[in-house]
Amino acid sequence: MIRVCSLLVLLCALASPARAGLDLDAWDSLLGAAVNRGQVDYAMWAANPAFDALVEQIATTRTADMDVRQKLVFYINAYNILAARGILDGHSPDSLLGRYVYFKLDKYTVAGEQVSLYALEHELLLPLKEPRVHFAIVCASQSCPLLRSSAYRLASLDEQLDQAAREFVNDPHRNQFDLARREARLSSIFKWFDEDFIAAAGSVQSYVARFAEDREVATRLRAGDFAVTYLPYDWSLNGTL
């Protein structure tokens, strides 16, 4: 029955007129109402026609003619919307089994294709070669980057991604630097996706240095002086439901 329903959703999406993109003004309004310092009141999006409309738009948006930056904007916003959709559907990444279901088994229609959150990230977003997306996509967990209270937009994409990276790197709940001991305790995101950061900057420490606000910390990172360990990841919900 689940497969039949999924097929019907996909067929309906393919039969619907293709859209040029998401209604980012609507997403702005939803974010502004429900997000406070990265914490989300998910109940405000439950059975909400405006939120449901965004999910439908993700299904029918046409991406074939988009350039890289347009795809980044679409897929980042789509990921954050669908990650919330999974929570509203009663799923959660707060256990090992829950993560498997939430990231890999749950499927959503994105531009006419059935994909999981894992596939959306690894097959659609990461091939665009923009490591800052790791600080922009939010999988509804406390150790994830903070969800912005406004949508990502084409005109301000670089500024928004830079801001997201700076906020994440300099957040002591997510990354900690002990100059006296020359120790850096980094988010596990820097371990899981180290190849992306190494490709961009030569090393994880060099990449982190780009956004570190403390000058001495940045200098030591660029020199590779820190002994790096990784913080445990808190998968509990980044808000209330």
C-alpha atoms as a PDB file:
ATOM      1  CA  MET A   1       0.000   0.000   0.000  1.00  0.00           C
ATOM      2  CA  ILE A   2       2.831   2.418   0.866  1.00  0.00           C
ATOM      3  CA  ARG A   3       4.480   1.752  -2.507  1.00  0.00           C
ATOM      4  CA  VAL A   4       1.177   2.296  -4.326  1.00  0.00           C
ATOM      5  CA  CYS A   5       0.625   5.611  -2.527  1.00  0.00           C
ATOM      6  CA  SER A   6       4.168   6.728  -3.302  1.00  0.00           C
ATOM      7  CA  LEU A   7       3.671   5.858  -6.972  1.00  0.00           C
ATOM      8  CA  LEU A   8       0.433   7.831  -7.084  1.00  0.00           C
ATOM      9  CA  VAL A   9       2.135  10.873  -5.537  1.00  0.00           C
ATOM     10  CA  LEU A  10       4.930  10.655  -8.096  1.00  0.00           C
ATOM     11  CA  LEU A  11       2.499  10.291 -11.014  1.00  0.00           C
ATOM     12  CA  CYS A  12       0.482  13.279  -9.800  1.00  0.00           C
ATOM     13  CA  ALA A  13       3.663  15.346  -9.512  1.00  0.00           C
ATOM     14  CA  LEU A  14       4.741  14.424 -13.015  1.00  0.00           C
ATOM     15  CA  ALA A  15       1.305  15.235 -14.385  1.00  0.00           C
ATOM     16  CA  SER A  16       1.229  18.670 -12.694  1.00  0.00           C
ATOM     17  CA  PRO A  17       2.598  21.775 -14.400  1.00  0.00           C
ATOM     18  CA  ALA A  18       6.285  22.282 -13.591  1.00  0.00           C
ATOM     19  CA  ARG A  19       7.089  25.246 -11.373  1.00  0.00           C
ATOM     20  CA  ALA A  20      10.073  27.522 -11.595  1.00  0.00           C
ATOM     21  CA  GLY A  21      10.857  27.284  -7.893  1.00  0.00           C
ATOM     22  CA  LEU A  22       9.703  27.638  -4.310  1.00  0.00           C
ATOM     23  CA  ASP A  23       7.567  30.394  -2.852  1.00  0.00           C
ATOM     24  CA  LEU A  24      10.340  31.743  -0.640  1.00  0.00           C
ATOM     25  CA  ASP A  25       8.142  34.504   0.767  1.00  0.00           C
ATOM     26  CA  ALA A  26       5.831  31.826   2.140  1.00  0.00           C
ATOM     27  CA  TRP A  27       8.809  29.900   3.558  1.00  0.00           C
ATOM     28  CA  ASP A  28      10.080  33.139   5.129  1.00  0.00           C
ATOM     29  CA  SER A  29       6.753  33.628   6.879  1.00  0.00           C
ATOM     30  CA  LEU A  30       6.668  30.072   8.183  1.00  0.00           C
ATOM     31  CA  LEU A  31      10.250  30.272   9.433  1.00  0.00           C
ATOM     32  CA  GLY A  32       9.731  33.659  11.043  1.00  0.00           C
ATOM     33  CA  ALA A  33       6.704  32.405  12.946  1.00  0.00           C
ATOM     34  CA  ALA A  34       8.100  29.069  14.156  1.00  0.00           C
ATOM     35  CA  VAL A  35      11.890  29.481  14.528  1.00  0.00           C
ATOM     36  CA  ASN A  36      13.520  31.226  17.474  1.00  0.00           C
ATOM     37  CA  ARG A  37      17.335  31.094  17.668  1.00  0.00           C
ATOM     38  CA  GLY A  38      17.368  27.859  15.746  1.00  0.00           C
ATOM     39  CA  GLN A  39      14.718  26.157  17.866  1.00  0.00           C
ATOM     40  CA  VAL A  40      11.596  25.149  15.972  1.00  0.00           C
ATOM     41  CA  ASP A  41       7.969  25.011  17.057  1.00  0.00           C
ATOM     42  CA  TYR A  42       7.068  22.209  14.654  1.00  0.00           C
ATOM     43  CA  ALA A  43       3.444  22.197  15.772  1.00  0.00           C
ATOM     44  CA  MET A  44       2.969  25.488  13.915  1.00  0.00           C
ATOM     45  CA  TRP A  45       3.645  23.672  10.640  1.00  0.00           C
ATOM     46  CA  ALA A  46       1.415  20.656  11.319  1.00  0.00           C
ATOM     47  CA  ALA A  47      -1.665  20.537   9.080  1.00  0.00           C
ATOM     48  CA  ASN A  48      -0.616  23.950   7.766  1.00  0.00           C
ATOM     49  CA  PRO A  49      -1.734  24.526   4.147  1.00  0.00           C
ATOM     50  CA  ALA A  50       1.150  26.943   3.505  1.00  0.00           C
ATOM     51  CA  PHE A  51       3.701  24.333   4.606  1.00  0.00           C
ATOM     52  CA  ASP A  52       1.969  21.583   2.629  1.00  0.00           C
ATOM     53  CA  ALA A  53       2.028  23.815  -0.445  1.00  0.00           C
ATOM     54  CA  LEU A  54       5.818  24.120  -0.193  1.00  0.00           C
ATOM     55  CA  VAL A  55       6.167  20.332  -0.115  1.00  0.00           C
ATOM     56  CA  GLU A  56       4.036  20.168  -3.265  1.00  0.00           C
ATOM     57  CA  GLN A  57       6.164  22.849  -4.915  1.00  0.00           C
ATOM     58  CA  ILE A  58       9.322  20.845  -4.184  1.00  0.00           C
ATOM     59  CA  ALA A  59       7.725  17.909  -5.991  1.00  0.00           C
ATOM     60  CA  THR A  60       6.860  19.864  -9.139  1.00  0.00           C
ATOM     61  CA  THR A  61       9.711  22.361  -9.452  1.00  0.00           C
ATOM     62  CA  ARG A  62      11.753  22.053 -12.640  1.00  0.00           C
ATOM     63  CA  THR A  63      15.533  21.936 -12.022  1.00  0.00           C
ATOM     64  CA  ALA A  64      16.878  20.938 -15.455  1.00  0.00           C
ATOM     65  CA  ASP A  65      17.472  24.541 -16.524  1.00  0.00           C
ATOM     66  CA  MET A  66      18.837  25.769 -13.185  1.00  0.00           C
ATOM     67  CA  ASP A  67      22.472  26.799 -12.802  1.00  0.00           C
ATOM     68  CA  VAL A  68      24.561  25.706  -9.805  1.00  0.00           C
ATOM     69  CA  ARG A  69      23.603  28.622  -7.580  1.00  0.00           C
ATOM     70  CA  GLN A  70      19.907  28.235  -8.343  1.00  0.00           C
ATOM     71  CA  LYS A  71      20.140  24.537  -7.514  1.00  0.00           C
ATOM     72  CA  LEU A  72      21.894  25.325  -4.245  1.00  0.00           C
ATOM     73  CA  VAL A  73      19.098  27.661  -3.208  1.00  0.00           C
ATOM     74  CA  PHE A  74      16.398  25.195  -4.217  1.00  0.00           C
ATOM     75  CA  TYR A  75      17.964  22.091  -2.692  1.00  0.00           C
ATOM     76  CA  ILE A  76      19.002  23.761   0.588  1.00  0.00           C
ATOM     77  CA  ASN A  77      15.507  25.106   1.194  1.00  0.00           C
ATOM     78  CA  ALA A  78      13.979  21.828  -0.002  1.00  0.00           C
ATOM     79  CA  TYR A  79      16.136  19.812   2.391  1.00  0.00           C
ATOM     80  CA  ASN A  80      15.145  21.935   5.374  1.00  0.00           C
ATOM     81  CA  ILE A  81      11.457  21.762   4.480  1.00  0.00           C
ATOM     82  CA  LEU A  82      11.503  17.999   3.942  1.00  0.00           C
ATOM     83  CA  ALA A  83      13.533  17.383   7.097  1.00  0.00           C
ATOM     84  CA  ALA A  84      10.713  19.126   8.958  1.00  0.00           C
ATOM     85  CA  ARG A  85       8.153  17.116   6.966  1.00  0.00           C
ATOM     86  CA  GLY A  86       9.748  13.927   8.310  1.00  0.00           C
ATOM     87  CA  ILE A  87       9.367  15.153  11.886  1.00  0.00           C
ATOM     88  CA  LEU A  88       5.730  16.085  11.275  1.00  0.00           C
ATOM     89  CA  ASP A  89       5.191  12.603   9.826  1.00  0.00           C
ATOM     90  CA  GLY A  90       6.233  11.134  13.175  1.00  0.00           C
ATOM     91  CA  HIS A  91       9.788  10.097  12.337  1.00  0.00           C
ATOM     92  CA  SER A  92      12.968  11.167  14.099  1.00  0.00           C
ATOM     93  CA  PRO A  93      16.748  10.691  13.849  1.00  0.00           C
ATOM     94  CA  ASP A  94      17.158  10.383  17.626  1.00  0.00           C
ATOM     95  CA  SER A  95      17.947   6.628  17.520  1.00  0.00           C
ATOM     96  CA  LEU A  96      20.020   4.431  15.229  1.00  0.00           C
ATOM     97  CA  LEU A  97      16.930   2.816  13.710  1.00  0.00           C
ATOM     98  CA  GLY A  98      15.218   6.183  13.595  1.00  0.00           C
ATOM     99  CA  ARG A  99      18.106   7.653  11.606  1.00  0.00           C
ATOM    100  CA  TYR A 100      17.951   4.819   9.086  1.00  0.00           C
ATOM    101  CA  VAL A 101      14.240   5.394   8.534  1.00  0.00           C
ATOM    102  CA  TYR A 102      14.459   9.196   8.613  1.00  0.00           C
ATOM    103  CA  PHE A 103      17.425   9.595   6.274  1.00  0.00           C
ATOM    104  CA  LYS A 104      17.226   6.585   3.970  1.00  0.00           C
ATOM    105  CA  LEU A 105      13.817   4.889   3.969  1.00  0.00           C
ATOM    106  CA  ASP A 106      11.528   7.914   3.940  1.00  0.00           C
ATOM    107  CA  LYS A 107      11.135   9.186   0.385  1.00  0.00           C
ATOM    108  CA  TYR A 108       9.924  12.524  -0.945  1.00  0.00           C
ATOM    109  CA  THR A 109       9.210  13.794  -4.436  1.00  0.00           C
ATOM    110  CA  VAL A 110      11.849  16.338  -5.458  1.00  0.00           C
ATOM    111  CA  ALA A 111      11.594  17.768  -8.977  1.00  0.00           C
ATOM    112  CA  GLY A 112       9.586  14.737 -10.055  1.00  0.00           C
ATOM    113  CA  GLU A 113      11.966  12.153  -8.574  1.00  0.00           C
ATOM    114  CA  GLN A 114      11.558  10.035  -5.442  1.00  0.00           C
ATOM    115  CA  VAL A 115      14.544  10.661  -3.147  1.00  0.00           C
ATOM    116  CA  SER A 116      15.440  10.254   0.506  1.00  0.00           C
ATOM    117  CA  LEU A 117      17.030  12.989   2.613  1.00  0.00           C
ATOM    118  CA  TYR A 118      20.299  11.072   2.277  1.00  0.00           C
ATOM    119  CA  ALA A 119      20.028  11.072  -1.513  1.00  0.00           C
ATOM    120  CA  LEU A 120      19.021  14.725  -1.586  1.00  0.00           C
ATOM    121  CA  GLU A 121      22.175  15.599   0.320  1.00  0.00           C
ATOM    122  CA  HIS A 122      24.658  13.164  -1.229  1.00  0.00           C
ATOM    123  CA  GLU A 123      23.400  12.896  -4.804  1.00  0.00           C
ATOM    124  CA  LEU A 124      21.944  16.342  -5.465  1.00  0.00           C
ATOM    125  CA  LEU A 125      23.578  18.847  -3.097  1.00  0.00           C
ATOM    126  CA  LEU A 126      27.130  17.652  -2.461  1.00  0.00           C
ATOM    127  CA  PRO A 127      27.984  17.182  -6.168  1.00  0.00           C
ATOM    128  CA  LEU A 128      27.554  20.960  -6.474  1.00  0.00           C
ATOM    129  CA  LYS A 129      30.902  21.259  -4.629  1.00  0.00           C
ATOM    130  CA  GLU A 130      29.889  23.841  -2.037  1.00  0.00           C
ATOM    131  CA  PRO A 131      31.087  22.745   1.448  1.00  0.00           C
ATOM    132  CA  ARG A 132      29.179  25.544   3.165  1.00  0.00           C
ATOM    133  CA  VAL A 133      25.966  23.609   2.594  1.00  0.00           C
ATOM    134  CA  HIS A 134      26.970  21.519   5.617  1.00  0.00           C
ATOM    135  CA  PHE A 135      26.199  24.585   7.747  1.00  0.00           C
ATOM    136  CA  ALA A 136      22.942  25.364   5.948  1.00  0.00           C
ATOM    137  CA  ILE A 137      21.012  22.090   5.848  1.00  0.00           C
ATOM    138  CA  VAL A 138      19.369  21.120   9.115  1.00  0.00           C
ATOM    139  CA  CYS A 139      18.267  17.601   9.996  1.00  0.00           C
ATOM    140  CA  ALA A 140      16.089  18.631  12.956  1.00  0.00           C
ATOM    141  CA  SER A 141      18.705  17.794  15.605  1.00  0.00           C
ATOM    142  CA  GLN A 142      20.373  19.811  18.335  1.00  0.00           C
ATOM    143  CA  SER A 143      23.928  19.329  17.022  1.00  0.00           C
ATOM    144  CA  CYS A 144      22.947  20.344  13.507  1.00  0.00           C
ATOM    145  CA  PRO A 145      23.496  23.927  12.381  1.00  0.00           C
ATOM    146  CA  LEU A 146      20.847  26.321  13.663  1.00  0.00           C
ATOM    147  CA  LEU A 147      17.878  26.641  11.344  1.00  0.00           C
ATOM    148  CA  ARG A 148      17.718  30.177  10.000  1.00  0.00           C
ATOM    149  CA  SER A 149      14.546  32.165  10.570  1.00  0.00           C
ATOM    150  CA  SER A 150      14.569  33.182   6.901  1.00  0.00           C
ATOM    151  CA  ALA A 151      14.893  31.364   3.583  1.00  0.00           C
ATOM    152  CA  TYR A 152      18.083  31.041   1.555  1.00  0.00           C
ATOM    153  CA  ARG A 153      17.849  33.282  -1.510  1.00  0.00           C
ATOM    154  CA  LEU A 154      19.817  33.630  -4.719  1.00  0.00           C
ATOM    155  CA  ALA A 155      20.644  37.339  -4.317  1.00  0.00           C
ATOM    156  CA  SER A 156      22.217  36.850  -0.880  1.00  0.00           C
ATOM    157  CA  LEU A 157      23.361  33.222  -1.103  1.00  0.00           C
ATOM    158  CA  ASP A 158      27.089  33.783  -0.504  1.00  0.00           C
ATOM    159  CA  GLU A 159      26.470  36.125   2.413  1.00  0.00           C
ATOM    160  CA  GLN A 160      23.997  33.701   3.961  1.00  0.00           C
ATOM    161  CA  LEU A 161      26.310  30.703   3.546  1.00  0.00           C
ATOM    162  CA  ASP A 162      29.246  32.643   4.999  1.00  0.00           C
ATOM    163  CA  GLN A 163      27.129  33.715   7.945  1.00  0.00           C
ATOM    164  CA  ALA A 164      25.943  30.145   8.527  1.00  0.00           C
ATOM    165  CA  ALA A 165      29.558  28.898   8.441  1.00  0.00           C
ATOM    166  CA  ARG A 166      30.780  31.592  10.857  1.00  0.00           C
ATOM    167  CA  GLU A 167      27.951  30.993  13.292  1.00  0.00           C
ATOM    168  CA  PHE A 168      28.525  27.251  13.235  1.00  0.00           C
ATOM    169  CA  VAL A 169      32.323  27.345  13.593  1.00  0.00           C
ATOM    170  CA  ASN A 170      32.243  29.884  16.422  1.00  0.00           C
ATOM    171  CA  ASP A 171      29.402  28.280  18.369  1.00  0.00           C
ATOM    172  CA  PRO A 172      30.993  26.774  21.529  1.00  0.00           C
ATOM    173  CA  HIS A 173      28.257  24.131  21.671  1.00  0.00           C
ATOM    174  CA  ARG A 174      29.440  22.824  18.306  1.00  0.00           C
ATOM    175  CA  ASN A 175      33.186  23.578  18.199  1.00  0.00           C
ATOM    176  CA  GLN A 176      35.623  24.237  21.044  1.00  0.00           C
ATOM    177  CA  PHE A 177      39.199  25.526  20.900  1.00  0.00           C
ATOM    178  CA  ASP A 178      41.673  25.313  23.784  1.00  0.00           C
ATOM    179  CA  LEU A 179      44.696  27.408  22.886  1.00  0.00           C
ATOM    180  CA  ALA A 180      46.634  26.496  26.030  1.00  0.00           C
ATOM    181  CA  ARG A 181      46.358  22.787  25.349  1.00  0.00           C
ATOM    182  CA  ARG A 182      46.373  23.150  21.545  1.00  0.00           C
ATOM    183  CA  GLU A 183      43.216  21.045  21.406  1.00  0.00           C
ATOM    184  CA  ALA A 184      40.238  21.472  19.113  1.00  0.00           C
ATOM    185  CA  ARG A 185      37.008  19.580  19.715  1.00  0.00           C
ATOM    186  CA  LEU A 186      35.123  19.885  16.473  1.00  0.00           C
ATOM    187  CA  SER A 187      31.632  18.974  15.350  1.00  0.00           C
ATOM    188  CA  SER A 188      31.364  15.456  13.987  1.00  0.00           C
ATOM    189  CA  ILE A 189      30.249  17.065  10.720  1.00  0.00           C
ATOM    190  CA  PHE A 190      33.926  17.851  10.099  1.00  0.00           C
ATOM    191  CA  LYS A 191      34.737  14.149  10.493  1.00  0.00           C
ATOM    192  CA  TRP A 192      31.868  12.752   8.428  1.00  0.00           C
ATOM    193  CA  PHE A 193      32.494  15.109   5.516  1.00  0.00           C
ATOM    194  CA  ASP A 194      36.225  15.689   5.867  1.00  0.00           C
ATOM    195  CA  GLU A 195      36.838  15.031   2.159  1.00  0.00           C
ATOM    196  CA  ASP A 196      34.695  18.047   1.230  1.00  0.00           C
ATOM    197  CA  PHE A 197      36.645  20.365   3.535  1.00  0.00           C
ATOM    198  CA  ILE A 198      40.035  18.955   2.546  1.00  0.00           C
ATOM    199  CA  ALA A 199      39.195  19.393  -1.138  1.00  0.00           C
ATOM    200  CA  ALA A 200      38.269  23.024  -0.510  1.00  0.00           C
ATOM    201  CA  ALA A 201      41.124  24.090   1.779  1.00  0.00           C
ATOM    202  CA  GLY A 202      43.753  21.353   1.970  1.00  0.00           C
ATOM    203  CA  SER A 203      42.809  20.240   5.474  1.00  0.00           C
ATOM    204  CA  VAL A 204      39.907  20.366   7.892  1.00  0.00           C
ATOM    205  CA  GLN A 205      41.797  22.767  10.168  1.00  0.00           C
ATOM    206  CA  SER A 206      42.523  25.125   7.283  1.00  0.00           C
ATOM    207  CA  TYR A 207      38.869  25.156   6.333  1.00  0.00           C
ATOM    208  CA  VAL A 208      37.725  25.879   9.880  1.00  0.00           C
ATOM    209  CA  ALA A 209      40.312  28.692  10.061  1.00  0.00           C
ATOM    210  CA  ARG A 210      38.497  30.545   7.270  1.00  0.00           C
ATOM    211  CA  PHE A 211      35.581  31.219   9.598  1.00  0.00           C
ATOM    212  CA  ALA A 212      37.169  31.313  13.059  1.00  0.00           C
ATOM    213  CA  GLU A 213      36.689  34.776  14.574  1.00  0.00           C
ATOM    214  CA  ASP A 214      39.499  34.480  17.136  1.00  0.00           C
ATOM    215  CA  ARG A 215      42.663  35.496  15.278  1.00  0.00           C
ATOM    216  CA  GLU A 216      45.006  33.287  17.288  1.00  0.00           C
ATOM    217  CA  VAL A 217      42.706  30.310  16.883  1.00  0.00           C
ATOM    218  CA  ALA A 218      42.606  30.929  13.131  1.00  0.00           C
ATOM    219  CA  THR A 219      46.401  31.225  12.951  1.00  0.00           C
ATOM    220  CA  ARG A 220      46.926  27.998  14.870  1.00  0.00           C
ATOM    221  CA  LEU A 221      44.345  26.202  12.743  1.00  0.00           C
ATOM    222  CA  ARG A 222      46.040  27.284   9.529  1.00  0.00           C
ATOM    223  CA  ALA A 223      49.324  25.958  10.915  1.00  0.00           C
ATOM    224  CA  GLY A 224      47.656  22.660  11.836  1.00  0.00           C
ATOM    225  CA  ASP A 225      48.724  23.091  15.450  1.00  0.00           C
ATOM    226  CA  PHE A 226      45.635  21.650  17.113  1.00  0.00           C
ATOM    227  CA  ALA A 227      45.135  18.056  18.159  1.00  0.00           C
ATOM    228  CA  VAL A 228      41.632  17.397  16.824  1.00  0.00           C
ATOM    229  CA  THR A 229      38.933  15.289  18.422  1.00  0.00           C
ATOM    230  CA  TYR A 230      35.225  15.269  17.644  1.00  0.00           C
ATOM    231  CA  LEU A 231      32.269  16.063  19.872  1.00  0.00           C
ATOM    232  CA  PRO A 232      29.443  13.561  20.358  1.00  0.00           C
ATOM    233  CA  TYR A 233      26.449  14.362  18.171  1.00  0.00           C
ATOM    234  CA  ASP A 234      23.175  15.219  19.904  1.00  0.00           C
ATOM    235  CA  TRP A 235      20.361  13.832  17.755  1.00  0.00           C
ATOM    236  CA  SER A 236      17.542  15.068  19.977  1.00  0.00           C
ATOM    237  CA  LEU A 237      14.921  17.327  18.404  1.00  0.00           C
ATOM    238  CA  ASN A 238      15.874  20.946  17.787  1.00  0.00           C
ATOM    239  CA  GLY A 239      12.599  22.246  19.141  1.00  0.00           C
ATOM    240  CA  THR A 240       9.153  21.054  20.171  1.00  0.00           C
ATOM    241  CA  LEU A 241       6.438  19.116  18.440  1.00  0.00           C
END
